[in-house]
Amino acid sequence: MSSMYYDYKQLAKQGDANAQYNVALCLASGREGVNIDTNEAINYFKASANGGVADAAYALGIAYGTGNGVEQDFKAAHHWFLKAVGLGKSEAYQDAQKAEQLMN
């Protein structure tokens, strides 16, 4: 594990949403020598998204839309894509529309 991950983890514990996003990326992909843990990554993505990080909300939309690391759930995907749009990631709108179509 790198010192960068350790630093992100410390900031994430203090509620830093950007650090939570970076921890989630490491846990999801194995970056910085971290063991992949998709469950923990999802938790950090959620904390980060709820802290206002659009990319984290978008990552959750993708996860729920594809069933990657979570049970596939188009309603949840739609929710997270719309949250990403609300946080400024306008390109997530098309994904929200697709998820909405798949909900029905």
C-alpha atoms as a PDB file:
ATOM      1  CA  MET A   1       0.000   0.000   0.000  1.00  0.00           C
ATOM      2  CA  SER A   2       1.343   3.376  -0.943  1.00  0.00           C
ATOM      3  CA  SER A   3       1.664   6.384   1.302  1.00  0.00           C
ATOM      4  CA  MET A   4      -0.709   8.204  -1.062  1.00  0.00           C
ATOM      5  CA  TYR A   5      -3.461   5.689  -0.295  1.00  0.00           C
ATOM      6  CA  TYR A   6      -2.749   6.006   3.415  1.00  0.00           C
ATOM      7  CA  ASP A   7      -3.051   9.791   3.168  1.00  0.00           C
ATOM      8  CA  TYR A   8      -6.331   9.527   1.232  1.00  0.00           C
ATOM      9  CA  LYS A   9      -7.660   7.057   3.777  1.00  0.00           C
ATOM     10  CA  GLN A  10      -6.878   9.404   6.666  1.00  0.00           C
ATOM     11  CA  LEU A  11      -8.605  12.315   4.932  1.00  0.00           C
ATOM     12  CA  ALA A  12     -11.536  10.081   3.978  1.00  0.00           C
ATOM     13  CA  LYS A  13     -12.038   9.139   7.630  1.00  0.00           C
ATOM     14  CA  GLN A  14     -12.288  12.863   8.375  1.00  0.00           C
ATOM     15  CA  GLY A  15     -15.109  13.183   5.841  1.00  0.00           C
ATOM     16  CA  ASP A  16     -13.197  14.585   2.855  1.00  0.00           C
ATOM     17  CA  ALA A  17     -15.429  13.618  -0.087  1.00  0.00           C
ATOM     18  CA  ASN A  18     -12.654  13.875  -2.682  1.00  0.00           C
ATOM     19  CA  ALA A  19     -10.409  11.631  -0.595  1.00  0.00           C
ATOM     20  CA  GLN A  20     -13.316   9.184  -0.214  1.00  0.00           C
ATOM     21  CA  TYR A  21     -13.594   9.081  -4.002  1.00  0.00           C
ATOM     22  CA  ASN A  22      -9.881   8.375  -4.365  1.00  0.00           C
ATOM     23  CA  VAL A  23     -10.035   5.618  -1.738  1.00  0.00           C
ATOM     24  CA  ALA A  24     -13.000   4.115  -3.605  1.00  0.00           C
ATOM     25  CA  LEU A  25     -11.063   4.161  -6.877  1.00  0.00           C
ATOM     26  CA  CYS A  26      -8.138   2.381  -5.236  1.00  0.00           C
ATOM     27  CA  LEU A  27     -10.382  -0.235  -3.662  1.00  0.00           C
ATOM     28  CA  ALA A  28     -12.303  -0.793  -6.900  1.00  0.00           C
ATOM     29  CA  SER A  29      -9.265  -1.125  -9.140  1.00  0.00           C
ATOM     30  CA  GLY A  30      -6.358  -2.192  -6.952  1.00  0.00           C
ATOM     31  CA  ARG A  31      -4.506   1.063  -7.557  1.00  0.00           C
ATOM     32  CA  GLU A  32      -1.688   2.012  -5.220  1.00  0.00           C
ATOM     33  CA  GLY A  33      -1.185  -1.650  -4.308  1.00  0.00           C
ATOM     34  CA  VAL A  34      -4.520  -1.900  -2.502  1.00  0.00           C
ATOM     35  CA  ASN A  35      -6.375  -5.216  -2.438  1.00  0.00           C
ATOM     36  CA  ILE A  36      -9.576  -4.987  -4.460  1.00  0.00           C
ATOM     37  CA  ASP A  37     -12.638  -4.779  -2.224  1.00  0.00           C
ATOM     38  CA  THR A  38     -15.722  -3.848  -4.231  1.00  0.00           C
ATOM     39  CA  ASN A  39     -18.046  -3.785  -1.206  1.00  0.00           C
ATOM     40  CA  GLU A  40     -15.860  -1.277   0.590  1.00  0.00           C
ATOM     41  CA  ALA A  41     -15.372   0.675  -2.645  1.00  0.00           C
ATOM     42  CA  ILE A  42     -19.147   1.028  -3.011  1.00  0.00           C
ATOM     43  CA  ASN A  43     -19.363   2.352   0.556  1.00  0.00           C
ATOM     44  CA  TYR A  44     -16.706   4.963  -0.171  1.00  0.00           C
ATOM     45  CA  PHE A  45     -18.321   5.899  -3.501  1.00  0.00           C
ATOM     46  CA  LYS A  46     -21.621   6.444  -1.644  1.00  0.00           C
ATOM     47  CA  ALA A  47     -20.004   8.593   1.030  1.00  0.00           C
ATOM     48  CA  SER A  48     -18.222  10.612  -1.632  1.00  0.00           C
ATOM     49  CA  ALA A  49     -21.337  11.047  -3.770  1.00  0.00           C
ATOM     50  CA  ASN A  50     -23.334  12.118  -0.734  1.00  0.00           C
ATOM     51  CA  GLY A  51     -20.518  14.568  -0.037  1.00  0.00           C
ATOM     52  CA  GLY A  52     -21.004  16.174  -3.436  1.00  0.00           C
ATOM     53  CA  VAL A  53     -18.565  14.420  -5.793  1.00  0.00           C
ATOM     54  CA  ALA A  54     -20.295  13.989  -9.161  1.00  0.00           C
ATOM     55  CA  ASP A  55     -17.854  11.362 -10.441  1.00  0.00           C
ATOM     56  CA  ALA A  56     -18.619   9.180  -7.420  1.00  0.00           C
ATOM     57  CA  ALA A  57     -22.365   9.374  -8.093  1.00  0.00           C
ATOM     58  CA  TYR A  58     -21.694   8.543 -11.734  1.00  0.00           C
ATOM     59  CA  ALA A  59     -19.535   5.559 -10.752  1.00  0.00           C
ATOM     60  CA  LEU A  60     -22.407   4.288  -8.603  1.00  0.00           C
ATOM     61  CA  GLY A  61     -24.813   4.684 -11.518  1.00  0.00           C
ATOM     62  CA  ILE A  62     -22.518   2.569 -13.647  1.00  0.00           C
ATOM     63  CA  ALA A  63     -22.080  -0.017 -10.885  1.00  0.00           C
ATOM     64  CA  TYR A  64     -25.827  -0.424 -10.369  1.00  0.00           C
ATOM     65  CA  GLY A  65     -26.544  -0.306 -14.086  1.00  0.00           C
ATOM     66  CA  THR A  66     -24.077  -3.069 -14.876  1.00  0.00           C
ATOM     67  CA  GLY A  67     -24.246  -5.042 -11.639  1.00  0.00           C
ATOM     68  CA  ASN A  68     -20.524  -4.511 -11.064  1.00  0.00           C
ATOM     69  CA  GLY A  69     -19.888  -4.947  -7.343  1.00  0.00           C
ATOM     70  CA  VAL A  70     -23.583  -4.684  -6.474  1.00  0.00           C
ATOM     71  CA  GLU A  71     -26.796  -6.371  -7.510  1.00  0.00           C
ATOM     72  CA  GLN A  72     -27.987  -4.885 -10.810  1.00  0.00           C
ATOM     73  CA  ASP A  73     -30.683  -2.325 -10.019  1.00  0.00           C
ATOM     74  CA  PHE A  74     -31.815   0.116 -12.710  1.00  0.00           C
ATOM     75  CA  LYS A  75     -33.829   2.186 -10.231  1.00  0.00           C
ATOM     76  CA  ALA A  76     -30.692   2.727  -8.126  1.00  0.00           C
ATOM     77  CA  ALA A  77     -28.667   3.416 -11.291  1.00  0.00           C
ATOM     78  CA  HIS A  78     -31.229   6.028 -12.320  1.00  0.00           C
ATOM     79  CA  HIS A  79     -31.023   7.645  -8.871  1.00  0.00           C
ATOM     80  CA  TRP A  80     -27.240   7.889  -8.911  1.00  0.00           C
ATOM     81  CA  PHE A  81     -27.071   9.128 -12.503  1.00  0.00           C
ATOM     82  CA  LEU A  82     -29.564  11.888 -11.661  1.00  0.00           C
ATOM     83  CA  LYS A  83     -27.543  12.774  -8.584  1.00  0.00           C
ATOM     84  CA  ALA A  84     -24.463  13.043 -10.798  1.00  0.00           C
ATOM     85  CA  VAL A  85     -26.368  15.390 -13.118  1.00  0.00           C
ATOM     86  CA  GLY A  86     -27.433  17.478 -10.125  1.00  0.00           C
ATOM     87  CA  LEU A  87     -23.808  17.696  -9.053  1.00  0.00           C
ATOM     88  CA  GLY A  88     -22.756  19.004 -12.463  1.00  0.00           C
ATOM     89  CA  LYS A  89     -22.005  15.926 -14.573  1.00  0.00           C
ATOM     90  CA  SER A  90     -24.461  16.717 -17.366  1.00  0.00           C
ATOM     91  CA  GLU A  91     -23.356  13.784 -19.543  1.00  0.00           C
ATOM     92  CA  ALA A  92     -24.921  11.446 -16.967  1.00  0.00           C
ATOM     93  CA  TYR A  93     -28.379  12.577 -18.099  1.00  0.00           C
ATOM     94  CA  GLN A  94     -28.394  10.218 -21.098  1.00  0.00           C
ATOM     95  CA  ASP A  95     -27.405   7.352 -18.819  1.00  0.00           C
ATOM     96  CA  ALA A  96     -30.241   8.270 -16.454  1.00  0.00           C
ATOM     97  CA  GLN A  97     -32.671   8.128 -19.381  1.00  0.00           C
ATOM     98  CA  LYS A  98     -31.382   4.694 -20.409  1.00  0.00           C
ATOM     99  CA  ALA A  99     -31.690   3.417 -16.843  1.00  0.00           C
ATOM    100  CA  GLU A 100     -35.233   4.775 -16.650  1.00  0.00           C
ATOM    101  CA  GLN A 101     -36.170   2.907 -19.823  1.00  0.00           C
ATOM    102  CA  LEU A 102     -34.723  -0.304 -18.408  1.00  0.00           C
ATOM    103  CA  MET A 103     -36.710   0.132 -15.160  1.00  0.00           C
ATOM    104  CA  ASN A 104     -39.974  -0.429 -17.046  1.00  0.00           C
END
